[in-house]
Amino acid sequence: MKLVEMEVKNFLDELASNSPAPGGGSVSALAAANGCALMIMVGNLTINKKKFKAYDESIQKQYLDYLDIFSRNKSSFVELIDLDTEAFTFLMDAFKLPKNSEEEIAIRSVEIEKATLGCIKIPMKVTVIALETLRLLESMIEYSNKNTVSDQGVSVLMLYSAIEGAAMNVLINLPGLSDEKLKKEYEKTISDIIFEANNLKDSLLEEIKYLLK
């Protein structure tokens, strides 16, 4: 059974078991999906209000367009929950390959490298999409239902946590790459993403806390 098809309790029990997967990568994707779902809820509690309908049509259209993006990204994150665990499973399978001859050792090495790259690409995708999603919140807070300000704040935290968590999963797998140039490229990309995400998170939460007063 896919992780996303489990009941919440069963998922948490599986997470708490002595199995190494699902782990932090899948949880990071789930956090991002939660962040998206919260903002979709906020949108649904906003778009039918008189105050929102009084805004300029261009503002309404942009807001609705952003909600569509949140919906698409939520679907992507849901898919990535299972893909992250699958990538880790492939890596564990690669480590179990036989190494009784030079040929087997060479094959095993190639498969481990390939699987390691998979364990990097999945959480990297989570960081990229989550950052894109977090950027949209800047333009949505001003026009969203003021009674959902705390929900918007939790959405910010979920998306930011997803970025930080997925970034850690990228970094822990980088030593397994033999391509030093590629390794440095990933390190630079992750560093840039975390830097922007941290600044965005601080700015958005400052606005949220102001609106909560």
N, C-alpha and C. Protein backbone atom coordinates (compact mmCIF):
# COMPACT_ATOMS: atom_id res chain seq x y z
N MET A 1 0.83 -1.20 0.00
CA MET A 1 0.00 0.00 0.00
C MET A 1 0.87 1.26 0.00
N LYS A 2 0.46 2.24 -0.80
CA LYS A 2 1.18 3.51 -0.83
C LYS A 2 1.02 4.23 0.50
N LEU A 3 2.03 5.00 0.86
CA LEU A 3 1.97 5.76 2.12
C LEU A 3 0.79 6.71 2.13
N VAL A 4 0.53 7.35 1.00
CA VAL A 4 -0.54 8.35 0.94
C VAL A 4 -1.93 7.72 1.03
N GLU A 5 -2.01 6.41 0.89
CA GLU A 5 -3.30 5.72 0.99
C GLU A 5 -3.56 5.21 2.41
N MET A 6 -2.57 5.36 3.29
CA MET A 6 -2.73 4.90 4.68
C MET A 6 -3.58 5.88 5.49
N GLU A 7 -4.23 5.34 6.52
CA GLU A 7 -4.87 6.21 7.50
C GLU A 7 -3.75 6.92 8.26
N VAL A 8 -4.07 8.09 8.79
CA VAL A 8 -3.05 8.89 9.47
C VAL A 8 -2.36 8.09 10.57
N LYS A 9 -3.15 7.38 11.37
CA LYS A 9 -2.58 6.62 12.49
C LYS A 9 -1.61 5.55 11.97
N ASN A 10 -2.01 4.85 10.92
CA ASN A 10 -1.15 3.79 10.37
C ASN A 10 0.14 4.36 9.78
N PHE A 11 0.01 5.53 9.14
CA PHE A 11 1.20 6.18 8.60
C PHE A 11 2.17 6.54 9.72
N LEU A 12 1.63 7.09 10.81
CA LEU A 12 2.48 7.49 11.93
C LEU A 12 3.12 6.27 12.60
N ASP A 13 2.36 5.18 12.67
CA ASP A 13 2.93 3.95 13.25
C ASP A 13 4.05 3.41 12.38
N GLU A 14 3.86 3.49 11.05
CA GLU A 14 4.89 3.04 10.11
C GLU A 14 6.13 3.94 10.22
N LEU A 15 5.88 5.20 10.38
CA LEU A 15 6.97 6.17 10.52
C LEU A 15 7.77 5.91 11.79
N ALA A 16 7.06 5.51 12.84
CA ALA A 16 7.71 5.29 14.15
C ALA A 16 8.37 3.92 14.28
N SER A 17 8.20 3.06 13.27
CA SER A 17 8.74 1.70 13.35
C SER A 17 10.26 1.72 13.19
N ASN A 18 10.88 0.54 13.28
CA ASN A 18 12.34 0.46 13.13
C ASN A 18 12.79 0.40 11.67
N SER A 19 11.84 0.57 10.76
CA SER A 19 12.19 0.63 9.34
C SER A 19 12.74 2.02 9.02
N PRO A 20 13.85 2.11 8.25
CA PRO A 20 14.43 3.43 7.95
C PRO A 20 13.61 4.28 6.97
N ALA A 21 12.62 3.65 6.35
CA ALA A 21 11.75 4.39 5.42
C ALA A 21 10.30 3.96 5.64
N PRO A 22 9.37 4.92 5.64
CA PRO A 22 9.55 6.34 5.34
C PRO A 22 10.34 7.06 6.42
N GLY A 23 10.95 8.16 5.99
CA GLY A 23 11.73 8.95 6.93
C GLY A 23 11.54 10.43 6.69
N GLY A 24 12.61 11.19 6.94
CA GLY A 24 12.52 12.64 6.87
C GLY A 24 12.17 13.20 5.51
N GLY A 25 12.56 12.51 4.45
CA GLY A 25 12.24 12.99 3.10
C GLY A 25 10.75 12.96 2.82
N SER A 26 10.13 11.83 3.15
CA SER A 26 8.68 11.71 2.94
C SER A 26 7.91 12.67 3.84
N VAL A 27 8.40 12.83 5.07
CA VAL A 27 7.74 13.75 6.01
C VAL A 27 7.85 15.19 5.50
N SER A 28 8.98 15.54 4.90
CA SER A 28 9.15 16.89 4.35
C SER A 28 8.16 17.14 3.21
N ALA A 29 7.99 16.15 2.34
CA ALA A 29 7.02 16.28 1.25
C ALA A 29 5.61 16.41 1.81
N LEU A 30 5.32 15.65 2.88
CA LEU A 30 4.00 15.73 3.52
C LEU A 30 3.78 17.11 4.13
N ALA A 31 4.82 17.66 4.75
CA ALA A 31 4.72 19.00 5.33
C ALA A 31 4.37 20.02 4.25
N ALA A 32 5.02 19.91 3.11
CA ALA A 32 4.75 20.83 2.00
C ALA A 32 3.31 20.68 1.50
N ALA A 33 2.85 19.43 1.42
CA ALA A 33 1.46 19.18 1.00
C ALA A 33 0.48 19.80 1.99
N ASN A 34 0.81 19.70 3.28
CA ASN A 34 -0.04 20.31 4.32
C ASN A 34 -0.07 21.83 4.16
N GLY A 35 1.10 22.41 3.88
CA GLY A 35 1.17 23.85 3.69
C GLY A 35 0.30 24.31 2.53
N CYS A 36 0.34 23.55 1.44
CA CYS A 36 -0.49 23.87 0.27
C CYS A 36 -1.98 23.73 0.61
N ALA A 37 -2.32 22.63 1.26
CA ALA A 37 -3.72 22.36 1.60
C ALA A 37 -4.30 23.47 2.48
N LEU A 38 -3.50 23.96 3.41
CA LEU A 38 -3.95 25.05 4.29
C LEU A 38 -4.26 26.31 3.48
N MET A 39 -3.39 26.65 2.54
CA MET A 39 -3.63 27.86 1.75
C MET A 39 -4.79 27.69 0.79
N ILE A 40 -5.04 26.48 0.34
CA ILE A 40 -6.22 26.23 -0.50
C ILE A 40 -7.47 26.44 0.34
N MET A 41 -7.44 25.96 1.59
CA MET A 41 -8.56 26.20 2.51
C MET A 41 -8.77 27.70 2.72
N VAL A 42 -7.65 28.41 2.95
CA VAL A 42 -7.72 29.87 3.13
C VAL A 42 -8.38 30.51 1.91
N GLY A 43 -7.97 30.06 0.73
CA GLY A 43 -8.54 30.60 -0.50
C GLY A 43 -10.03 30.33 -0.60
N ASN A 44 -10.44 29.13 -0.25
CA ASN A 44 -11.85 28.78 -0.32
C ASN A 44 -12.69 29.57 0.67
N LEU A 45 -12.05 30.01 1.75
CA LEU A 45 -12.74 30.84 2.74
C LEU A 45 -12.62 32.33 2.43
N THR A 46 -11.99 32.64 1.31
CA THR A 46 -11.76 34.03 0.91
C THR A 46 -12.55 34.45 -0.32
N ILE A 47 -12.52 33.61 -1.35
CA ILE A 47 -12.97 34.04 -2.69
C ILE A 47 -14.47 34.34 -2.81
N ASN A 48 -15.28 33.85 -1.88
CA ASN A 48 -16.71 34.15 -1.95
C ASN A 48 -17.15 35.29 -1.05
N LYS A 49 -16.18 35.91 -0.37
CA LYS A 49 -16.49 37.02 0.52
C LYS A 49 -16.70 38.31 -0.29
N LYS A 50 -17.59 39.18 0.22
CA LYS A 50 -17.87 40.45 -0.46
C LYS A 50 -16.61 41.30 -0.59
N LYS A 51 -15.79 41.28 0.46
CA LYS A 51 -14.58 42.09 0.45
C LYS A 51 -13.66 41.67 -0.69
N PHE A 52 -13.54 40.37 -0.90
CA PHE A 52 -12.67 39.88 -1.97
C PHE A 52 -13.25 40.24 -3.33
N LYS A 53 -14.55 40.10 -3.49
CA LYS A 53 -15.19 40.39 -4.77
C LYS A 53 -15.17 41.87 -5.12
N ALA A 54 -14.87 42.69 -4.11
CA ALA A 54 -14.77 44.14 -4.35
C ALA A 54 -13.40 44.54 -4.88
N TYR A 55 -12.43 43.63 -4.81
CA TYR A 55 -11.09 43.93 -5.33
C TYR A 55 -11.13 44.01 -6.85
N ASP A 56 -10.13 44.68 -7.41
CA ASP A 56 -10.00 44.77 -8.85
C ASP A 56 -9.95 43.37 -9.47
N GLU A 57 -10.49 43.24 -10.66
CA GLU A 57 -10.56 41.92 -11.32
C GLU A 57 -9.18 41.30 -11.51
N SER A 58 -8.17 42.12 -11.77
CA SER A 58 -6.82 41.61 -11.97
C SER A 58 -6.28 40.98 -10.68
N ILE A 59 -6.63 41.56 -9.54
CA ILE A 59 -6.22 41.01 -8.25
C ILE A 59 -6.91 39.68 -8.00
N GLN A 60 -8.21 39.65 -8.28
CA GLN A 60 -8.97 38.40 -8.10
C GLN A 60 -8.41 37.29 -8.99
N LYS A 61 -8.12 37.65 -10.25
CA LYS A 61 -7.61 36.64 -11.19
C LYS A 61 -6.27 36.09 -10.72
N GLN A 62 -5.36 36.98 -10.31
CA GLN A 62 -4.06 36.52 -9.85
C GLN A 62 -4.21 35.60 -8.64
N TYR A 63 -5.09 35.98 -7.72
CA TYR A 63 -5.31 35.17 -6.51
C TYR A 63 -5.81 33.77 -6.90
N LEU A 64 -6.77 33.72 -7.81
CA LEU A 64 -7.31 32.43 -8.25
C LEU A 64 -6.26 31.60 -8.99
N ASP A 65 -5.43 32.29 -9.78
CA ASP A 65 -4.34 31.60 -10.49
C ASP A 65 -3.37 30.98 -9.49
N TYR A 66 -3.06 31.72 -8.43
CA TYR A 66 -2.15 31.22 -7.41
C TYR A 66 -2.76 30.02 -6.68
N LEU A 67 -4.06 30.08 -6.46
CA LEU A 67 -4.74 28.94 -5.81
C LEU A 67 -4.63 27.69 -6.67
N ASP A 68 -4.73 27.87 -7.98
CA ASP A 68 -4.57 26.73 -8.90
C ASP A 68 -3.16 26.15 -8.79
N ILE A 69 -2.18 27.02 -8.65
CA ILE A 69 -0.80 26.55 -8.50
C ILE A 69 -0.63 25.79 -7.19
N PHE A 70 -1.23 26.31 -6.12
CA PHE A 70 -1.18 25.61 -4.84
C PHE A 70 -1.79 24.22 -4.97
N SER A 71 -2.88 24.12 -5.71
CA SER A 71 -3.55 22.83 -5.90
C SER A 71 -2.66 21.86 -6.68
N ARG A 72 -2.04 22.35 -7.75
CA ARG A 72 -1.14 21.50 -8.55
C ARG A 72 0.07 21.07 -7.73
N ASN A 73 0.62 22.01 -6.97
CA ASN A 73 1.81 21.69 -6.17
C ASN A 73 1.48 20.71 -5.05
N LYS A 74 0.28 20.83 -4.50
CA LYS A 74 -0.14 19.85 -3.47
C LYS A 74 -0.12 18.45 -4.05
N SER A 75 -0.63 18.30 -5.26
CA SER A 75 -0.63 16.99 -5.92
C SER A 75 0.80 16.48 -6.15
N SER A 76 1.69 17.39 -6.52
CA SER A 76 3.10 17.01 -6.72
C SER A 76 3.72 16.52 -5.42
N PHE A 77 3.46 17.24 -4.33
CA PHE A 77 4.03 16.85 -3.04
C PHE A 77 3.48 15.50 -2.57
N VAL A 78 2.20 15.27 -2.80
CA VAL A 78 1.59 13.99 -2.42
C VAL A 78 2.30 12.85 -3.14
N GLU A 79 2.59 13.05 -4.41
CA GLU A 79 3.31 12.03 -5.19
C GLU A 79 4.73 11.83 -4.66
N LEU A 80 5.37 12.93 -4.26
CA LEU A 80 6.75 12.88 -3.79
C LEU A 80 6.90 12.18 -2.44
N ILE A 81 5.82 12.10 -1.67
CA ILE A 81 5.86 11.38 -0.39
C ILE A 81 6.30 9.94 -0.61
N ASP A 82 5.66 9.28 -1.57
CA ASP A 82 5.99 7.88 -1.86
C ASP A 82 7.27 7.76 -2.68
N LEU A 83 7.49 8.72 -3.59
CA LEU A 83 8.69 8.65 -4.43
C LEU A 83 9.96 8.74 -3.60
N ASP A 84 9.93 9.51 -2.51
CA ASP A 84 11.11 9.62 -1.66
C ASP A 84 11.43 8.28 -1.00
N THR A 85 10.41 7.62 -0.49
CA THR A 85 10.62 6.31 0.14
C THR A 85 11.07 5.27 -0.89
N GLU A 86 10.50 5.33 -2.09
CA GLU A 86 10.90 4.40 -3.15
C GLU A 86 12.38 4.61 -3.52
N ALA A 87 12.80 5.86 -3.59
CA ALA A 87 14.20 6.16 -3.94
C ALA A 87 15.15 5.58 -2.90
N PHE A 88 14.78 5.70 -1.63
CA PHE A 88 15.62 5.15 -0.56
C PHE A 88 15.67 3.63 -0.64
N THR A 89 14.54 3.02 -0.95
CA THR A 89 14.48 1.56 -1.08
C THR A 89 15.38 1.07 -2.21
N PHE A 90 15.38 1.81 -3.33
CA PHE A 90 16.27 1.46 -4.45
C PHE A 90 17.73 1.52 -4.02
N LEU A 91 18.06 2.51 -3.20
CA LEU A 91 19.44 2.64 -2.73
C LEU A 91 19.83 1.47 -1.85
N MET A 92 18.94 1.08 -0.94
CA MET A 92 19.21 -0.06 -0.06
C MET A 92 19.37 -1.35 -0.87
N ASP A 93 18.56 -1.48 -1.93
CA ASP A 93 18.65 -2.66 -2.80
C ASP A 93 20.00 -2.68 -3.54
N ALA A 94 20.46 -1.50 -3.94
CA ALA A 94 21.74 -1.40 -4.65
C ALA A 94 22.90 -1.82 -3.74
N PHE A 95 22.83 -1.45 -2.47
CA PHE A 95 23.88 -1.84 -1.53
C PHE A 95 23.91 -3.36 -1.29
N LYS A 96 22.77 -4.00 -1.53
CA LYS A 96 22.68 -5.45 -1.30
C LYS A 96 23.16 -6.27 -2.50
N LEU A 97 23.49 -5.61 -3.60
CA LEU A 97 23.96 -6.33 -4.79
C LEU A 97 25.26 -7.08 -4.49
N PRO A 98 25.46 -8.22 -5.14
CA PRO A 98 26.67 -9.02 -4.88
C PRO A 98 27.95 -8.29 -5.27
N LYS A 99 29.04 -8.62 -4.60
CA LYS A 99 30.35 -8.01 -4.89
C LYS A 99 31.45 -9.08 -4.79
N ASN A 100 31.18 -10.20 -5.48
CA ASN A 100 32.10 -11.34 -5.44
C ASN A 100 33.15 -11.32 -6.55
N SER A 101 33.00 -10.42 -7.49
CA SER A 101 33.97 -10.32 -8.58
C SER A 101 34.13 -8.85 -8.95
N GLU A 102 35.14 -8.55 -9.75
CA GLU A 102 35.37 -7.17 -10.17
C GLU A 102 34.19 -6.65 -10.98
N GLU A 103 33.64 -7.53 -11.80
CA GLU A 103 32.49 -7.14 -12.62
C GLU A 103 31.30 -6.81 -11.74
N GLU A 104 31.02 -7.66 -10.74
CA GLU A 104 29.91 -7.41 -9.82
C GLU A 104 30.13 -6.14 -9.01
N ILE A 105 31.36 -5.91 -8.60
CA ILE A 105 31.69 -4.70 -7.83
C ILE A 105 31.45 -3.45 -8.68
N ALA A 106 31.82 -3.53 -9.97
CA ALA A 106 31.64 -2.40 -10.88
C ALA A 106 30.16 -2.11 -11.10
N ILE A 107 29.38 -3.19 -11.30
CA ILE A 107 27.92 -3.04 -11.50
C ILE A 107 27.28 -2.45 -10.25
N ARG A 108 27.68 -2.99 -9.10
CA ARG A 108 27.13 -2.51 -7.82
C ARG A 108 27.44 -1.02 -7.62
N SER A 109 28.64 -0.63 -7.94
CA SER A 109 29.06 0.77 -7.79
C SER A 109 28.21 1.70 -8.66
N VAL A 110 27.97 1.29 -9.89
CA VAL A 110 27.15 2.09 -10.82
C VAL A 110 25.73 2.22 -10.31
N GLU A 111 25.16 1.11 -9.82
CA GLU A 111 23.79 1.11 -9.33
C GLU A 111 23.64 1.95 -8.06
N ILE A 112 24.65 1.90 -7.20
CA ILE A 112 24.62 2.72 -5.97
C ILE A 112 24.64 4.20 -6.34
N GLU A 113 25.50 4.55 -7.28
CA GLU A 113 25.59 5.96 -7.72
C GLU A 113 24.27 6.42 -8.32
N LYS A 114 23.68 5.57 -9.14
CA LYS A 114 22.41 5.89 -9.79
C LYS A 114 21.31 6.08 -8.74
N ALA A 115 21.26 5.18 -7.77
CA ALA A 115 20.24 5.25 -6.72
C ALA A 115 20.48 6.46 -5.80
N THR A 116 21.74 6.76 -5.55
CA THR A 116 22.08 7.93 -4.72
C THR A 116 21.58 9.20 -5.38
N LEU A 117 21.76 9.28 -6.68
CA LEU A 117 21.28 10.45 -7.43
C LEU A 117 19.76 10.57 -7.30
N GLY A 118 19.08 9.44 -7.31
CA GLY A 118 17.62 9.45 -7.12
C GLY A 118 17.24 9.97 -5.75
N CYS A 119 18.03 9.61 -4.74
CA CYS A 119 17.77 10.06 -3.37
C CYS A 119 18.08 11.55 -3.19
N ILE A 120 18.79 12.12 -4.15
CA ILE A 120 19.08 13.55 -4.13
C ILE A 120 18.01 14.32 -4.93
N LYS A 121 17.67 13.79 -6.08
CA LYS A 121 16.75 14.51 -6.97
C LYS A 121 15.35 14.68 -6.38
N ILE A 122 14.86 13.67 -5.65
CA ILE A 122 13.50 13.76 -5.11
C ILE A 122 13.39 14.88 -4.06
N PRO A 123 14.21 14.88 -3.01
CA PRO A 123 14.11 15.98 -2.05
C PRO A 123 14.48 17.33 -2.66
N MET A 124 15.37 17.34 -3.64
CA MET A 124 15.70 18.60 -4.32
C MET A 124 14.45 19.17 -4.99
N LYS A 125 13.66 18.30 -5.59
CA LYS A 125 12.42 18.73 -6.22
C LYS A 125 11.47 19.32 -5.18
N VAL A 126 11.43 18.71 -4.00
CA VAL A 126 10.59 19.23 -2.92
C VAL A 126 11.03 20.65 -2.56
N THR A 127 12.34 20.88 -2.42
CA THR A 127 12.82 22.22 -2.04
C THR A 127 12.48 23.25 -3.10
N VAL A 128 12.64 22.89 -4.36
CA VAL A 128 12.39 23.83 -5.46
C VAL A 128 10.91 24.21 -5.53
N ILE A 129 10.04 23.21 -5.50
CA ILE A 129 8.60 23.49 -5.60
C ILE A 129 8.09 24.21 -4.36
N ALA A 130 8.60 23.82 -3.19
CA ALA A 130 8.15 24.45 -1.94
C ALA A 130 8.57 25.92 -1.90
N LEU A 131 9.76 26.22 -2.40
CA LEU A 131 10.20 27.62 -2.44
C LEU A 131 9.32 28.43 -3.41
N GLU A 132 9.04 27.86 -4.57
CA GLU A 132 8.16 28.54 -5.53
C GLU A 132 6.79 28.82 -4.90
N THR A 133 6.32 27.87 -4.12
CA THR A 133 5.02 28.01 -3.47
C THR A 133 5.07 29.07 -2.38
N LEU A 134 6.13 29.06 -1.61
CA LEU A 134 6.30 30.03 -0.52
C LEU A 134 6.33 31.46 -1.07
N ARG A 135 6.92 31.64 -2.23
CA ARG A 135 6.98 32.97 -2.86
C ARG A 135 5.59 33.53 -3.12
N LEU A 136 4.64 32.66 -3.48
CA LEU A 136 3.30 33.12 -3.81
C LEU A 136 2.56 33.70 -2.61
N LEU A 137 2.91 33.21 -1.43
CA LEU A 137 2.23 33.67 -0.22
C LEU A 137 2.38 35.17 0.00
N GLU A 138 3.49 35.73 -0.45
CA GLU A 138 3.71 37.16 -0.29
C GLU A 138 2.57 37.98 -0.87
N SER A 139 2.06 37.54 -2.03
CA SER A 139 1.01 38.29 -2.72
C SER A 139 -0.40 37.90 -2.26
N MET A 140 -0.52 36.84 -1.46
CA MET A 140 -1.84 36.35 -1.07
C MET A 140 -2.31 36.82 0.30
N ILE A 141 -1.35 37.04 1.21
CA ILE A 141 -1.72 37.38 2.59
C ILE A 141 -2.59 38.64 2.64
N GLU A 142 -2.23 39.65 1.86
CA GLU A 142 -2.95 40.93 1.89
C GLU A 142 -4.42 40.78 1.55
N TYR A 143 -4.73 39.85 0.65
CA TYR A 143 -6.11 39.73 0.15
C TYR A 143 -6.88 38.56 0.75
N SER A 144 -6.23 37.79 1.61
CA SER A 144 -6.90 36.62 2.18
C SER A 144 -7.76 36.98 3.38
N ASN A 145 -8.73 36.14 3.63
CA ASN A 145 -9.65 36.29 4.77
C ASN A 145 -8.85 36.47 6.07
N LYS A 146 -9.08 37.58 6.74
CA LYS A 146 -8.30 37.92 7.94
C LYS A 146 -8.54 36.93 9.09
N ASN A 147 -9.64 36.21 9.04
CA ASN A 147 -9.91 35.21 10.09
C ASN A 147 -9.06 33.96 9.93
N THR A 148 -8.30 33.88 8.82
CA THR A 148 -7.47 32.69 8.57
C THR A 148 -5.98 33.02 8.70
N VAL A 149 -5.67 34.12 9.35
CA VAL A 149 -4.27 34.55 9.44
C VAL A 149 -3.39 33.49 10.10
N SER A 150 -3.89 32.87 11.17
CA SER A 150 -3.09 31.84 11.85
C SER A 150 -2.86 30.64 10.94
N ASP A 151 -3.85 30.29 10.12
CA ASP A 151 -3.70 29.19 9.18
C ASP A 151 -2.64 29.52 8.13
N GLN A 152 -2.62 30.78 7.70
CA GLN A 152 -1.61 31.21 6.75
C GLN A 152 -0.21 31.11 7.36
N GLY A 153 -0.11 31.44 8.64
CA GLY A 153 1.16 31.33 9.35
C GLY A 153 1.65 29.90 9.42
N VAL A 154 0.73 28.98 9.69
CA VAL A 154 1.11 27.56 9.75
C VAL A 154 1.52 27.07 8.36
N SER A 155 0.85 27.58 7.33
CA SER A 155 1.23 27.22 5.96
C SER A 155 2.67 27.65 5.66
N VAL A 156 3.03 28.86 6.09
CA VAL A 156 4.40 29.34 5.93
C VAL A 156 5.38 28.39 6.61
N LEU A 157 5.06 28.03 7.85
CA LEU A 157 5.95 27.16 8.63
C LEU A 157 6.08 25.77 8.01
N MET A 158 4.98 25.24 7.49
CA MET A 158 5.01 23.91 6.87
C MET A 158 5.88 23.92 5.61
N LEU A 159 5.70 24.94 4.78
CA LEU A 159 6.49 25.02 3.55
C LEU A 159 7.96 25.25 3.85
N TYR A 160 8.23 26.10 4.84
CA TYR A 160 9.63 26.34 5.21
C TYR A 160 10.26 25.08 5.80
N SER A 161 9.54 24.40 6.68
CA SER A 161 10.05 23.15 7.27
C SER A 161 10.31 22.11 6.19
N ALA A 162 9.44 22.08 5.18
CA ALA A 162 9.63 21.14 4.07
C ALA A 162 10.93 21.43 3.33
N ILE A 163 11.21 22.72 3.13
CA ILE A 163 12.44 23.10 2.43
C ILE A 163 13.67 22.71 3.24
N GLU A 164 13.68 23.06 4.51
CA GLU A 164 14.82 22.73 5.37
C GLU A 164 15.01 21.21 5.48
N GLY A 165 13.90 20.51 5.67
CA GLY A 165 13.96 19.05 5.84
C GLY A 165 14.44 18.35 4.58
N ALA A 166 13.87 18.75 3.44
CA ALA A 166 14.27 18.13 2.17
C ALA A 166 15.72 18.47 1.84
N ALA A 167 16.13 19.69 2.19
CA ALA A 167 17.53 20.10 1.95
C ALA A 167 18.49 19.20 2.72
N MET A 168 18.15 18.86 3.95
CA MET A 168 18.99 17.96 4.74
C MET A 168 19.11 16.60 4.06
N ASN A 169 18.02 16.16 3.44
CA ASN A 169 18.05 14.87 2.76
C ASN A 169 18.89 14.91 1.48
N VAL A 170 18.97 16.09 0.87
CA VAL A 170 19.89 16.24 -0.27
C VAL A 170 21.33 16.17 0.23
N LEU A 171 21.61 16.96 1.27
CA LEU A 171 22.98 17.08 1.77
C LEU A 171 23.54 15.76 2.31
N ILE A 172 22.70 14.96 2.96
CA ILE A 172 23.20 13.72 3.55
C ILE A 172 23.58 12.70 2.48
N ASN A 173 23.01 12.87 1.28
CA ASN A 173 23.31 11.92 0.20
C ASN A 173 24.43 12.40 -0.73
N LEU A 174 24.81 13.67 -0.64
CA LEU A 174 25.84 14.19 -1.55
C LEU A 174 27.19 13.48 -1.44
N PRO A 175 27.64 13.08 -0.24
CA PRO A 175 28.92 12.37 -0.16
C PRO A 175 28.96 11.09 -0.99
N GLY A 176 27.79 10.55 -1.33
CA GLY A 176 27.73 9.32 -2.13
C GLY A 176 27.95 9.54 -3.61
N LEU A 177 28.06 10.82 -4.04
CA LEU A 177 28.32 11.12 -5.45
C LEU A 177 29.81 11.15 -5.72
N SER A 178 30.21 10.59 -6.84
CA SER A 178 31.63 10.62 -7.21
C SER A 178 31.96 11.85 -8.06
N ASP A 179 30.92 12.45 -8.65
CA ASP A 179 31.10 13.62 -9.51
C ASP A 179 31.20 14.88 -8.64
N GLU A 180 32.42 15.35 -8.42
CA GLU A 180 32.64 16.49 -7.53
C GLU A 180 32.00 17.77 -8.06
N LYS A 181 32.01 17.96 -9.37
CA LYS A 181 31.40 19.16 -9.96
C LYS A 181 29.90 19.18 -9.69
N LEU A 182 29.25 18.04 -9.91
CA LEU A 182 27.81 17.93 -9.67
C LEU A 182 27.50 18.14 -8.20
N LYS A 183 28.34 17.59 -7.34
CA LYS A 183 28.17 17.74 -5.89
C LYS A 183 28.18 19.22 -5.49
N LYS A 184 29.15 19.95 -6.05
CA LYS A 184 29.26 21.39 -5.73
C LYS A 184 28.05 22.16 -6.25
N GLU A 185 27.55 21.76 -7.42
CA GLU A 185 26.37 22.42 -7.99
C GLU A 185 25.16 22.24 -7.08
N TYR A 186 24.98 21.02 -6.58
CA TYR A 186 23.86 20.76 -5.67
C TYR A 186 24.03 21.55 -4.37
N GLU A 187 25.25 21.59 -3.84
CA GLU A 187 25.51 22.33 -2.60
C GLU A 187 25.18 23.81 -2.76
N LYS A 188 25.57 24.38 -3.91
CA LYS A 188 25.31 25.80 -4.18
C LYS A 188 23.81 26.05 -4.31
N THR A 189 23.12 25.18 -5.04
CA THR A 189 21.68 25.34 -5.23
C THR A 189 20.95 25.26 -3.91
N ILE A 190 21.30 24.28 -3.08
CA ILE A 190 20.65 24.13 -1.78
C ILE A 190 20.92 25.33 -0.89
N SER A 191 22.16 25.82 -0.90
CA SER A 191 22.52 26.99 -0.10
C SER A 191 21.69 28.21 -0.50
N ASP A 192 21.53 28.41 -1.80
CA ASP A 192 20.74 29.55 -2.30
C ASP A 192 19.28 29.41 -1.92
N ILE A 193 18.75 28.20 -2.03
CA ILE A 193 17.34 27.96 -1.71
C ILE A 193 17.08 28.22 -0.23
N ILE A 194 17.93 27.70 0.63
CA ILE A 194 17.76 27.88 2.07
C ILE A 194 17.87 29.36 2.44
N PHE A 195 18.80 30.06 1.83
CA PHE A 195 18.98 31.49 2.12
C PHE A 195 17.71 32.27 1.78
N GLU A 196 17.18 32.05 0.58
CA GLU A 196 15.96 32.76 0.18
C GLU A 196 14.76 32.34 1.03
N ALA A 197 14.65 31.04 1.28
CA ALA A 197 13.51 30.53 2.07
C ALA A 197 13.51 31.10 3.48
N ASN A 198 14.68 31.20 4.08
CA ASN A 198 14.79 31.73 5.43
C ASN A 198 14.36 33.20 5.48
N ASN A 199 14.81 33.99 4.51
CA ASN A 199 14.42 35.40 4.44
C ASN A 199 12.92 35.56 4.21
N LEU A 200 12.39 34.73 3.30
CA LEU A 200 10.96 34.77 3.02
C LEU A 200 10.15 34.40 4.25
N LYS A 201 10.56 33.35 4.92
CA LYS A 201 9.86 32.89 6.12
C LYS A 201 9.82 33.97 7.18
N ASP A 202 10.95 34.62 7.43
CA ASP A 202 11.02 35.68 8.44
C ASP A 202 10.11 36.85 8.08
N SER A 203 10.15 37.23 6.81
CA SER A 203 9.33 38.35 6.33
C SER A 203 7.84 38.04 6.43
N LEU A 204 7.46 36.85 6.00
CA LEU A 204 6.05 36.45 6.02
C LEU A 204 5.53 36.31 7.45
N LEU A 205 6.31 35.73 8.32
CA LEU A 205 5.87 35.55 9.71
C LEU A 205 5.76 36.89 10.43
N GLU A 206 6.63 37.83 10.06
CA GLU A 206 6.55 39.17 10.65
C GLU A 206 5.22 39.82 10.28
N GLU A 207 4.82 39.65 9.01
CA GLU A 207 3.54 40.19 8.56
C GLU A 207 2.38 39.48 9.23
N ILE A 208 2.48 38.17 9.33
CA ILE A 208 1.43 37.36 9.98
C ILE A 208 1.25 37.79 11.44
N LYS A 209 2.35 37.93 12.16
CA LYS A 209 2.28 38.30 13.58
C LYS A 209 1.70 39.69 13.76
N TYR A 210 1.99 40.60 12.81
CA TYR A 210 1.41 41.93 12.86
C TYR A 210 -0.10 41.85 12.71
N LEU A 211 -0.55 41.01 11.77
CA LEU A 211 -2.01 40.88 11.51
C LEU A 211 -2.73 40.16 12.65
N LEU A 212 -1.99 39.41 13.44
CA LEU A 212 -2.61 38.69 14.57
C LEU A 212 -2.90 39.61 15.76
N LYS A 213 -2.31 40.78 15.78
CA LYS A 213 -2.49 41.70 16.92
C LYS A 213 -3.90 42.27 16.93
